[in-house]
Amino acid sequence: MRTTGMTLLEVMVALLIFAITGTAVMKAASEHLNNITVIEDVTFATWVANNRLARVQLEGRWPPQNNHKGTEELAGRIWHWRQIVKETTDKDMRAVEVEVGLKADANSSITSVSTFVTRLKGEKE
């Protein structure tokens, strides 16, 4: 009488294949979760920058304040922003860039957003 079944070697090879597959799936899931966190940070940082640029537009101050820094709370975290004003070729226009990050360090910004502000007629510098 002959019995059929899998040998120990066949079982070990099958387990190895499942282990490699499982490791690859876990790595892909981990990278996906990490990417979601990065996308979330960039999204929130962009919202903070856009909020700051909207305030610059509403202030109507000419020229906008350069090297202005501050913080804003959003999504349960404190975001640090820095406003940089640059001259353009048009004397009645300035470029305003806002850099945002989770740390006050200027080198750790997550995103930056820019807009242009124009001087109203009759407004002096």
C-alpha atoms as a PDB file:
ATOM      1  CA  MET A   1       0.000   0.000   0.000  1.00  0.00           C
ATOM      2  CA  ARG A   2       1.359   3.333  -1.042  1.00  0.00           C
ATOM      3  CA  THR A   3       0.552   6.609   0.818  1.00  0.00           C
ATOM      4  CA  THR A   4       0.507   9.898  -0.977  1.00  0.00           C
ATOM      5  CA  GLY A   5       1.208  13.291   0.486  1.00  0.00           C
ATOM      6  CA  MET A   6       3.742  16.054   0.618  1.00  0.00           C
ATOM      7  CA  THR A   7       7.292  15.491   1.679  1.00  0.00           C
ATOM      8  CA  LEU A   8       8.938  17.641   4.315  1.00  0.00           C
ATOM      9  CA  LEU A   9      10.950  19.390   1.616  1.00  0.00           C
ATOM     10  CA  GLU A  10       7.799  20.334  -0.314  1.00  0.00           C
ATOM     11  CA  VAL A  11       6.198  21.714   2.862  1.00  0.00           C
ATOM     12  CA  MET A  12       9.314  23.770   3.621  1.00  0.00           C
ATOM     13  CA  VAL A  13       9.378  25.235   0.088  1.00  0.00           C
ATOM     14  CA  ALA A  14       5.692  26.134   0.326  1.00  0.00           C
ATOM     15  CA  LEU A  15       6.266  27.859   3.698  1.00  0.00           C
ATOM     16  CA  LEU A  16       9.208  29.773   2.245  1.00  0.00           C
ATOM     17  CA  ILE A  17       7.062  31.022  -0.648  1.00  0.00           C
ATOM     18  CA  PHE A  18       4.298  32.118   1.756  1.00  0.00           C
ATOM     19  CA  ALA A  19       6.841  33.861   4.012  1.00  0.00           C
ATOM     20  CA  ILE A  20       8.381  35.803   1.118  1.00  0.00           C
ATOM     21  CA  THR A  21       4.938  36.760  -0.192  1.00  0.00           C
ATOM     22  CA  GLY A  22       3.795  37.846   3.264  1.00  0.00           C
ATOM     23  CA  THR A  23       6.908  39.970   3.745  1.00  0.00           C
ATOM     24  CA  ALA A  24       6.367  41.687   0.398  1.00  0.00           C
ATOM     25  CA  VAL A  25       2.719  42.420   1.226  1.00  0.00           C
ATOM     26  CA  MET A  26       3.665  43.856   4.644  1.00  0.00           C
ATOM     27  CA  LYS A  27       6.368  46.051   3.099  1.00  0.00           C
ATOM     28  CA  ALA A  28       3.942  47.387   0.474  1.00  0.00           C
ATOM     29  CA  ALA A  29       1.315  48.119   3.152  1.00  0.00           C
ATOM     30  CA  SER A  30       3.885  49.892   5.330  1.00  0.00           C
ATOM     31  CA  GLU A  31       5.082  52.077   2.442  1.00  0.00           C
ATOM     32  CA  HIS A  32       1.481  52.896   1.552  1.00  0.00           C
ATOM     33  CA  LEU A  33       0.739  54.042   5.114  1.00  0.00           C
ATOM     34  CA  ASN A  34       3.911  56.131   5.157  1.00  0.00           C
ATOM     35  CA  ASN A  35       2.943  57.794   1.857  1.00  0.00           C
ATOM     36  CA  ILE A  36      -0.509  58.606   3.220  1.00  0.00           C
ATOM     37  CA  THR A  37       1.104  60.395   6.177  1.00  0.00           C
ATOM     38  CA  VAL A  38       3.328  62.426   3.843  1.00  0.00           C
ATOM     39  CA  ILE A  39       0.371  63.367   1.634  1.00  0.00           C
ATOM     40  CA  GLU A  40      -1.623  64.391   4.714  1.00  0.00           C
ATOM     41  CA  ASP A  41       1.244  66.597   5.966  1.00  0.00           C
ATOM     42  CA  VAL A  42       1.642  68.296   2.580  1.00  0.00           C
ATOM     43  CA  THR A  43      -2.118  68.886   2.353  1.00  0.00           C
ATOM     44  CA  PHE A  44      -2.351  70.482   5.813  1.00  0.00           C
ATOM     45  CA  ALA A  45       0.805  72.550   5.229  1.00  0.00           C
ATOM     46  CA  THR A  46      -0.640  73.827   1.947  1.00  0.00           C
ATOM     47  CA  TRP A  47      -3.863  74.831   3.719  1.00  0.00           C
ATOM     48  CA  VAL A  48      -1.861  76.769   6.321  1.00  0.00           C
ATOM     49  CA  ALA A  49       0.134  78.532   3.567  1.00  0.00           C
ATOM     50  CA  ASN A  50      -3.012  79.377   1.598  1.00  0.00           C
ATOM     51  CA  ASN A  51      -4.663  80.751   4.765  1.00  0.00           C
ATOM     52  CA  ARG A  52      -1.639  82.977   5.388  1.00  0.00           C
ATOM     53  CA  LEU A  53      -1.599  84.226   1.789  1.00  0.00           C
ATOM     54  CA  ALA A  54      -5.312  85.024   2.025  1.00  0.00           C
ATOM     55  CA  ARG A  55      -4.585  87.105   5.148  1.00  0.00           C
ATOM     56  CA  VAL A  56      -1.803  88.958   3.295  1.00  0.00           C
ATOM     57  CA  GLN A  57      -4.272  89.803   0.522  1.00  0.00           C
ATOM     58  CA  LEU A  58      -6.909  90.945   3.040  1.00  0.00           C
ATOM     59  CA  GLU A  59      -4.450  93.104   5.023  1.00  0.00           C
ATOM     60  CA  GLY A  60      -3.843  95.185   1.915  1.00  0.00           C
ATOM     61  CA  ARG A  61      -0.556  96.432   3.341  1.00  0.00           C
ATOM     62  CA  TRP A  62       2.018  97.748   0.895  1.00  0.00           C
ATOM     63  CA  PRO A  63       4.615  96.397   0.733  1.00  0.00           C
ATOM     64  CA  PRO A  64       3.756  93.178   2.562  1.00  0.00           C
ATOM     65  CA  GLN A  65       5.846  92.479   5.661  1.00  0.00           C
ATOM     66  CA  ASN A  66       9.028  90.541   4.854  1.00  0.00           C
ATOM     67  CA  ASN A  67      10.469  87.738   6.994  1.00  0.00           C
ATOM     68  CA  HIS A  68       7.299  87.603   9.059  1.00  0.00           C
ATOM     69  CA  LYS A  69       6.988  84.368  11.058  1.00  0.00           C
ATOM     70  CA  GLY A  70       4.200  82.770  13.015  1.00  0.00           C
ATOM     71  CA  THR A  71       2.357  79.635  13.992  1.00  0.00           C
ATOM     72  CA  GLU A  72      -1.084  78.265  13.287  1.00  0.00           C
ATOM     73  CA  GLU A  73      -2.898  75.310  14.773  1.00  0.00           C
ATOM     74  CA  LEU A  74      -4.511  72.932  12.318  1.00  0.00           C
ATOM     75  CA  ALA A  75      -5.536  69.291  12.707  1.00  0.00           C
ATOM     76  CA  GLY A  76      -4.330  69.186  16.298  1.00  0.00           C
ATOM     77  CA  ARG A  77      -0.770  70.217  15.370  1.00  0.00           C
ATOM     78  CA  ILE A  78       1.179  73.465  15.476  1.00  0.00           C
ATOM     79  CA  TRP A  79       2.418  74.547  12.051  1.00  0.00           C
ATOM     80  CA  HIS A  80       5.255  77.079  11.677  1.00  0.00           C
ATOM     81  CA  TRP A  81       5.154  79.453   8.731  1.00  0.00           C
ATOM     82  CA  ARG A  82       7.571  82.016   7.344  1.00  0.00           C
ATOM     83  CA  GLN A  83       6.639  84.739   4.884  1.00  0.00           C
ATOM     84  CA  ILE A  84       9.201  85.871   2.308  1.00  0.00           C
ATOM     85  CA  VAL A  85       8.562  88.932   0.140  1.00  0.00           C
ATOM     86  CA  LYS A  86      10.538  89.370  -3.073  1.00  0.00           C
ATOM     87  CA  GLU A  87      10.648  92.255  -5.504  1.00  0.00           C
ATOM     88  CA  THR A  88       9.610  91.677  -9.095  1.00  0.00           C
ATOM     89  CA  THR A  89      10.455  93.512 -12.301  1.00  0.00           C
ATOM     90  CA  ASP A  90       7.244  95.505 -11.837  1.00  0.00           C
ATOM     91  CA  LYS A  91       7.711  98.123  -9.086  1.00  0.00           C
ATOM     92  CA  ASP A  92       4.014  97.893  -8.218  1.00  0.00           C
ATOM     93  CA  MET A  93       4.076  94.138  -7.625  1.00  0.00           C
ATOM     94  CA  ARG A  94       5.678  91.862  -5.021  1.00  0.00           C
ATOM     95  CA  ALA A  95       5.957  88.073  -4.879  1.00  0.00           C
ATOM     96  CA  VAL A  96       4.967  86.646  -1.496  1.00  0.00           C
ATOM     97  CA  GLU A  97       6.056  83.112  -0.606  1.00  0.00           C
ATOM     98  CA  VAL A  98       4.961  81.269   2.522  1.00  0.00           C
ATOM     99  CA  GLU A  99       6.962  78.254   3.714  1.00  0.00           C
ATOM    100  CA  VAL A 100       5.276  75.897   6.195  1.00  0.00           C
ATOM    101  CA  GLY A 101       6.655  73.108   8.360  1.00  0.00           C
ATOM    102  CA  LEU A 102       6.127  71.322  11.645  1.00  0.00           C
ATOM    103  CA  LYS A 103       9.375  72.749  13.067  1.00  0.00           C
ATOM    104  CA  ALA A 104      10.445  76.389  13.345  1.00  0.00           C
ATOM    105  CA  ASP A 105      13.646  75.514  11.464  1.00  0.00           C
ATOM    106  CA  ALA A 106      13.549  77.070   7.975  1.00  0.00           C
ATOM    107  CA  ASN A 107      15.278  74.026   6.464  1.00  0.00           C
ATOM    108  CA  SER A 108      12.482  71.668   7.505  1.00  0.00           C
ATOM    109  CA  SER A 109       9.619  73.189   5.540  1.00  0.00           C
ATOM    110  CA  ILE A 110       7.115  70.738   4.106  1.00  0.00           C
ATOM    111  CA  THR A 111       5.749  73.005   1.386  1.00  0.00           C
ATOM    112  CA  SER A 112       5.806  76.542   0.080  1.00  0.00           C
ATOM    113  CA  VAL A 113       3.103  78.484  -1.736  1.00  0.00           C
ATOM    114  CA  SER A 114       3.496  81.784  -3.617  1.00  0.00           C
ATOM    115  CA  THR A 115       1.257  84.588  -4.777  1.00  0.00           C
ATOM    116  CA  PHE A 116       1.614  88.129  -6.082  1.00  0.00           C
ATOM    117  CA  VAL A 117       0.421  91.309  -4.386  1.00  0.00           C
ATOM    118  CA  THR A 118      -0.052  94.557  -6.275  1.00  0.00           C
ATOM    119  CA  ARG A 119       0.014  98.138  -5.045  1.00  0.00           C
ATOM    120  CA  LEU A 120      -3.250 100.018  -5.413  1.00  0.00           C
ATOM    121  CA  LYS A 121      -3.239 103.245  -7.397  1.00  0.00           C
ATOM    122  CA  GLY A 122      -2.243 106.167  -5.230  1.00  0.00           C
ATOM    123  CA  GLU A 123      -0.807 103.921  -2.502  1.00  0.00           C
ATOM    124  CA  LYS A 124       2.674 104.963  -1.402  1.00  0.00           C
ATOM    125  CA  GLU A 125       5.562 102.821  -0.270  1.00  0.00           C
END
